[in-house]
Amino acid sequence: MSTVRARPVAPHCDFEGTFRLLGQKHVLRVLWALVEKSPRRFNELRESVGANTATIADRLKQMEKLGLIRRDVIRVLPRRVEYRLTPMGRDLVKIFRPITRWRAKYS
């Protein structure tokens, strides 16, 4: 009897998770908002993107978990939270330009 071995799964597979995340509603808008102005506060992002509070909070958590954005808590009263792209997030945004050119060429 032969056994089939599954390929070992990396403990943290950014590639697949990142592309799954990019397909979700509002994620690309959040990335572009952070390219245009960074850092941004939660309400600035929510208003810029046009998403409801629960959706934007969920997307930001997912993006932070994957390492695309950084969440900074500023210890002032009242507490302030800012979001910015990480180096990994900035590198990801750079690949959008060739994709945009490709889409324009074949549209």
N, C-alpha and C. Protein backbone atom coordinates (compact mmCIF):
# COMPACT_ATOMS: atom_id res chain seq x y z
N MET A 1 0.85 -1.18 0.00
CA MET A 1 0.00 0.00 0.00
C MET A 1 0.89 1.24 0.00
N SER A 2 0.67 2.10 -0.96
CA SER A 2 1.49 3.31 -1.01
C SER A 2 0.72 4.46 -0.36
N THR A 3 1.50 5.33 0.22
CA THR A 3 0.88 6.49 0.85
C THR A 3 1.20 7.72 0.02
N VAL A 4 0.27 8.62 -0.03
CA VAL A 4 0.46 9.86 -0.75
C VAL A 4 0.85 10.91 0.29
N ARG A 5 1.98 11.53 0.06
CA ARG A 5 2.44 12.56 0.98
C ARG A 5 2.07 13.93 0.45
N ALA A 6 1.50 14.71 1.31
CA ALA A 6 1.18 16.09 0.94
C ALA A 6 2.45 16.91 1.02
N ARG A 7 2.54 17.89 0.16
CA ARG A 7 3.67 18.81 0.23
C ARG A 7 3.58 19.57 1.54
N PRO A 8 4.71 19.78 2.18
CA PRO A 8 4.64 20.56 3.41
C PRO A 8 4.18 21.99 3.12
N VAL A 9 3.35 22.48 3.96
CA VAL A 9 2.83 23.83 3.80
C VAL A 9 3.68 24.77 4.64
N ALA A 10 4.08 25.86 4.02
CA ALA A 10 4.86 26.86 4.75
C ALA A 10 4.01 27.39 5.89
N PRO A 11 4.61 27.64 7.04
CA PRO A 11 3.81 28.12 8.16
C PRO A 11 3.14 29.47 7.88
N HIS A 12 3.70 30.24 6.95
CA HIS A 12 3.11 31.54 6.64
C HIS A 12 3.27 31.78 5.15
N CYS A 13 2.22 31.50 4.40
CA CYS A 13 2.29 31.61 2.94
C CYS A 13 1.74 32.96 2.50
N ASP A 14 2.61 33.96 2.40
CA ASP A 14 2.19 35.31 2.05
C ASP A 14 1.63 35.40 0.64
N PHE A 15 2.22 34.66 -0.30
CA PHE A 15 1.85 34.80 -1.70
C PHE A 15 0.38 34.51 -1.93
N GLU A 16 -0.04 33.34 -1.54
CA GLU A 16 -1.44 32.95 -1.75
C GLU A 16 -2.38 33.84 -0.95
N GLY A 17 -2.05 34.09 0.30
CA GLY A 17 -2.89 34.93 1.13
C GLY A 17 -3.00 36.34 0.60
N THR A 18 -1.90 36.86 0.09
CA THR A 18 -1.89 38.22 -0.45
C THR A 18 -2.80 38.32 -1.66
N PHE A 19 -2.72 37.35 -2.58
CA PHE A 19 -3.55 37.42 -3.77
C PHE A 19 -5.02 37.18 -3.45
N ARG A 20 -5.29 36.36 -2.47
CA ARG A 20 -6.67 36.17 -2.04
C ARG A 20 -7.22 37.48 -1.45
N LEU A 21 -6.38 38.15 -0.66
CA LEU A 21 -6.77 39.42 -0.06
C LEU A 21 -7.01 40.50 -1.11
N LEU A 22 -6.14 40.57 -2.12
CA LEU A 22 -6.25 41.61 -3.15
C LEU A 22 -7.57 41.52 -3.90
N GLY A 23 -8.16 40.34 -3.96
CA GLY A 23 -9.43 40.17 -4.65
C GLY A 23 -10.63 40.62 -3.84
N GLN A 24 -10.41 40.94 -2.57
CA GLN A 24 -11.53 41.36 -1.73
C GLN A 24 -11.86 42.83 -1.95
N LYS A 25 -13.12 43.12 -1.76
CA LYS A 25 -13.62 44.47 -1.97
C LYS A 25 -12.90 45.48 -1.07
N HIS A 26 -12.51 46.59 -1.64
CA HIS A 26 -11.90 47.75 -0.99
C HIS A 26 -10.40 47.64 -0.71
N VAL A 27 -9.80 46.48 -0.86
CA VAL A 27 -8.38 46.33 -0.52
C VAL A 27 -7.49 47.19 -1.42
N LEU A 28 -7.72 47.15 -2.70
CA LEU A 28 -6.90 47.95 -3.61
C LEU A 28 -7.09 49.44 -3.36
N ARG A 29 -8.30 49.83 -3.01
CA ARG A 29 -8.55 51.24 -2.70
C ARG A 29 -7.79 51.68 -1.44
N VAL A 30 -7.71 50.79 -0.46
CA VAL A 30 -6.94 51.10 0.75
C VAL A 30 -5.47 51.27 0.40
N LEU A 31 -4.94 50.36 -0.40
CA LEU A 31 -3.54 50.47 -0.81
C LEU A 31 -3.27 51.79 -1.52
N TRP A 32 -4.14 52.14 -2.48
CA TRP A 32 -3.94 53.40 -3.21
C TRP A 32 -4.07 54.61 -2.30
N ALA A 33 -4.99 54.54 -1.35
CA ALA A 33 -5.15 55.65 -0.40
C ALA A 33 -3.87 55.85 0.40
N LEU A 34 -3.21 54.75 0.76
CA LEU A 34 -1.97 54.85 1.52
C LEU A 34 -0.79 55.25 0.64
N VAL A 35 -0.88 55.02 -0.65
CA VAL A 35 0.15 55.50 -1.57
C VAL A 35 0.01 57.02 -1.69
N GLU A 36 -1.22 57.50 -1.81
CA GLU A 36 -1.46 58.93 -1.98
C GLU A 36 -1.07 59.73 -0.75
N LYS A 37 -1.34 59.19 0.44
CA LYS A 37 -1.02 59.89 1.68
C LYS A 37 -0.80 58.87 2.79
N SER A 38 0.34 58.99 3.41
CA SER A 38 0.66 58.06 4.48
C SER A 38 1.48 58.78 5.53
N PRO A 39 1.19 58.61 6.77
CA PRO A 39 0.19 57.72 7.34
C PRO A 39 -1.21 58.32 7.25
N ARG A 40 -2.19 57.44 7.45
CA ARG A 40 -3.59 57.87 7.49
C ARG A 40 -4.25 57.25 8.72
N ARG A 41 -5.19 57.99 9.24
CA ARG A 41 -5.97 57.49 10.37
C ARG A 41 -7.13 56.66 9.84
N PHE A 42 -7.70 55.87 10.73
CA PHE A 42 -8.78 54.95 10.35
C PHE A 42 -9.92 55.66 9.63
N ASN A 43 -10.44 56.72 10.22
CA ASN A 43 -11.58 57.42 9.60
C ASN A 43 -11.22 58.04 8.26
N GLU A 44 -9.99 58.49 8.11
CA GLU A 44 -9.56 59.01 6.80
C GLU A 44 -9.63 57.91 5.75
N LEU A 45 -9.14 56.73 6.11
CA LEU A 45 -9.17 55.60 5.17
C LEU A 45 -10.61 55.20 4.86
N ARG A 46 -11.43 55.10 5.89
CA ARG A 46 -12.82 54.71 5.70
C ARG A 46 -13.53 55.68 4.75
N GLU A 47 -13.34 56.96 4.96
CA GLU A 47 -13.98 57.97 4.10
C GLU A 47 -13.41 57.94 2.69
N SER A 48 -12.10 57.79 2.58
CA SER A 48 -11.46 57.78 1.27
C SER A 48 -11.90 56.57 0.44
N VAL A 49 -12.04 55.44 1.09
CA VAL A 49 -12.38 54.19 0.41
C VAL A 49 -13.88 54.06 0.20
N GLY A 50 -14.66 54.61 1.11
CA GLY A 50 -16.11 54.51 0.99
C GLY A 50 -16.65 53.18 1.50
N ALA A 51 -15.99 52.60 2.48
CA ALA A 51 -16.42 51.33 3.04
C ALA A 51 -17.02 51.55 4.43
N ASN A 52 -17.82 50.59 4.87
CA ASN A 52 -18.36 50.71 6.22
C ASN A 52 -17.27 50.36 7.24
N THR A 53 -17.51 50.71 8.48
CA THR A 53 -16.51 50.55 9.54
C THR A 53 -16.06 49.10 9.71
N ALA A 54 -16.99 48.17 9.73
CA ALA A 54 -16.64 46.76 9.94
C ALA A 54 -15.77 46.23 8.80
N THR A 55 -16.13 46.57 7.58
CA THR A 55 -15.37 46.08 6.42
C THR A 55 -13.96 46.64 6.41
N ILE A 56 -13.82 47.94 6.63
CA ILE A 56 -12.49 48.54 6.58
C ILE A 56 -11.63 48.00 7.73
N ALA A 57 -12.23 47.80 8.90
CA ALA A 57 -11.47 47.25 10.03
C ALA A 57 -10.98 45.84 9.72
N ASP A 58 -11.83 45.04 9.10
CA ASP A 58 -11.45 43.67 8.73
C ASP A 58 -10.33 43.67 7.70
N ARG A 59 -10.44 44.50 6.68
CA ARG A 59 -9.41 44.55 5.64
C ARG A 59 -8.07 45.01 6.21
N LEU A 60 -8.11 46.02 7.07
CA LEU A 60 -6.87 46.52 7.67
C LEU A 60 -6.20 45.44 8.52
N LYS A 61 -6.98 44.69 9.28
CA LYS A 61 -6.42 43.60 10.09
C LYS A 61 -5.76 42.55 9.20
N GLN A 62 -6.43 42.19 8.12
CA GLN A 62 -5.88 41.19 7.20
C GLN A 62 -4.58 41.69 6.57
N MET A 63 -4.58 42.95 6.15
CA MET A 63 -3.41 43.52 5.50
C MET A 63 -2.24 43.62 6.49
N GLU A 64 -2.55 43.95 7.73
CA GLU A 64 -1.51 44.01 8.75
C GLU A 64 -0.94 42.62 9.03
N LYS A 65 -1.81 41.64 9.12
CA LYS A 65 -1.38 40.26 9.37
C LYS A 65 -0.43 39.75 8.28
N LEU A 66 -0.70 40.14 7.05
CA LEU A 66 0.15 39.72 5.93
C LEU A 66 1.43 40.56 5.81
N GLY A 67 1.50 41.64 6.56
CA GLY A 67 2.70 42.46 6.53
C GLY A 67 2.69 43.56 5.49
N LEU A 68 1.52 43.87 4.92
CA LEU A 68 1.43 44.90 3.89
C LEU A 68 1.34 46.30 4.47
N ILE A 69 0.73 46.41 5.64
CA ILE A 69 0.60 47.71 6.30
C ILE A 69 1.06 47.58 7.75
N ARG A 70 1.33 48.72 8.33
CA ARG A 70 1.71 48.78 9.73
C ARG A 70 0.71 49.66 10.46
N ARG A 71 0.32 49.23 11.63
CA ARG A 71 -0.61 49.98 12.48
C ARG A 71 0.19 50.54 13.64
N ASP A 72 0.20 51.86 13.75
CA ASP A 72 0.93 52.53 14.82
C ASP A 72 -0.06 53.17 15.78
N VAL A 73 0.08 52.85 17.05
CA VAL A 73 -0.75 53.47 18.08
C VAL A 73 0.05 54.61 18.68
N ILE A 74 -0.48 55.81 18.56
CA ILE A 74 0.17 57.00 19.10
C ILE A 74 -0.43 57.24 20.48
N ARG A 75 0.41 57.22 21.47
CA ARG A 75 -0.07 57.31 22.86
C ARG A 75 -0.25 58.77 23.28
N VAL A 76 -1.36 59.32 22.83
CA VAL A 76 -1.79 60.66 23.24
C VAL A 76 -3.25 60.54 23.66
N LEU A 77 -3.77 61.57 24.26
CA LEU A 77 -5.18 61.54 24.62
C LEU A 77 -5.94 62.48 23.71
N PRO A 78 -6.97 62.04 23.01
CA PRO A 78 -7.37 60.64 22.90
C PRO A 78 -6.37 59.85 22.05
N ARG A 79 -6.35 58.55 22.26
CA ARG A 79 -5.43 57.67 21.55
C ARG A 79 -5.64 57.81 20.04
N ARG A 80 -4.55 57.78 19.31
CA ARG A 80 -4.59 57.92 17.86
C ARG A 80 -3.94 56.70 17.23
N VAL A 81 -4.55 56.20 16.16
CA VAL A 81 -4.02 55.05 15.42
C VAL A 81 -3.80 55.48 13.99
N GLU A 82 -2.61 55.19 13.47
CA GLU A 82 -2.28 55.53 12.08
C GLU A 82 -1.85 54.26 11.34
N TYR A 83 -2.13 54.27 10.05
CA TYR A 83 -1.77 53.15 9.18
C TYR A 83 -0.84 53.65 8.09
N ARG A 84 0.14 52.82 7.76
CA ARG A 84 1.08 53.15 6.68
C ARG A 84 1.50 51.86 5.98
N LEU A 85 1.96 52.01 4.75
CA LEU A 85 2.48 50.85 4.02
C LEU A 85 3.83 50.44 4.60
N THR A 86 4.06 49.14 4.64
CA THR A 86 5.37 48.62 5.01
C THR A 86 6.22 48.56 3.74
N PRO A 87 7.51 48.29 3.86
CA PRO A 87 8.32 48.10 2.64
C PRO A 87 7.73 47.01 1.73
N MET A 88 7.20 45.95 2.32
CA MET A 88 6.59 44.89 1.52
C MET A 88 5.35 45.43 0.79
N GLY A 89 4.55 46.24 1.46
CA GLY A 89 3.38 46.83 0.83
C GLY A 89 3.76 47.78 -0.29
N ARG A 90 4.80 48.58 -0.08
CA ARG A 90 5.25 49.49 -1.15
C ARG A 90 5.76 48.71 -2.36
N ASP A 91 6.46 47.62 -2.11
CA ASP A 91 6.93 46.79 -3.23
C ASP A 91 5.76 46.18 -3.99
N LEU A 92 4.73 45.76 -3.28
CA LEU A 92 3.55 45.19 -3.94
C LEU A 92 2.89 46.22 -4.84
N VAL A 93 2.74 47.43 -4.36
CA VAL A 93 2.10 48.49 -5.14
C VAL A 93 2.88 48.76 -6.42
N LYS A 94 4.19 48.62 -6.39
CA LYS A 94 5.02 48.86 -7.59
C LYS A 94 4.65 47.92 -8.74
N ILE A 95 4.21 46.71 -8.43
CA ILE A 95 3.89 45.78 -9.52
C ILE A 95 2.55 46.09 -10.17
N PHE A 96 1.77 46.98 -9.58
CA PHE A 96 0.48 47.34 -10.18
C PHE A 96 0.65 48.16 -11.45
N ARG A 97 1.71 48.94 -11.55
CA ARG A 97 1.91 49.77 -12.75
C ARG A 97 2.05 48.92 -14.01
N PRO A 98 2.90 47.89 -14.04
CA PRO A 98 2.96 47.05 -15.24
C PRO A 98 1.64 46.33 -15.52
N ILE A 99 0.92 45.95 -14.48
CA ILE A 99 -0.38 45.30 -14.69
C ILE A 99 -1.35 46.30 -15.31
N THR A 100 -1.32 47.55 -14.88
CA THR A 100 -2.18 48.58 -15.45
C THR A 100 -1.85 48.81 -16.92
N ARG A 101 -0.55 48.83 -17.26
CA ARG A 101 -0.15 48.99 -18.66
C ARG A 101 -0.62 47.80 -19.49
N TRP A 102 -0.48 46.59 -18.94
CA TRP A 102 -0.93 45.39 -19.64
C TRP A 102 -2.43 45.45 -19.91
N ARG A 103 -3.19 45.85 -18.91
CA ARG A 103 -4.65 45.96 -19.06
C ARG A 103 -5.01 46.99 -20.11
N ALA A 104 -4.33 48.13 -20.10
CA ALA A 104 -4.60 49.19 -21.08
C ALA A 104 -4.28 48.70 -22.50
N LYS A 105 -3.23 47.94 -22.63
CA LYS A 105 -2.84 47.43 -23.95
C LYS A 105 -3.88 46.50 -24.53
N TYR A 106 -4.51 45.69 -23.69
CA TYR A 106 -5.44 44.68 -24.19
C TYR A 106 -6.91 45.01 -23.95
N SER A 107 -7.19 46.21 -23.50
CA SER A 107 -8.59 46.59 -23.29
C SER A 107 -9.22 47.07 -24.57
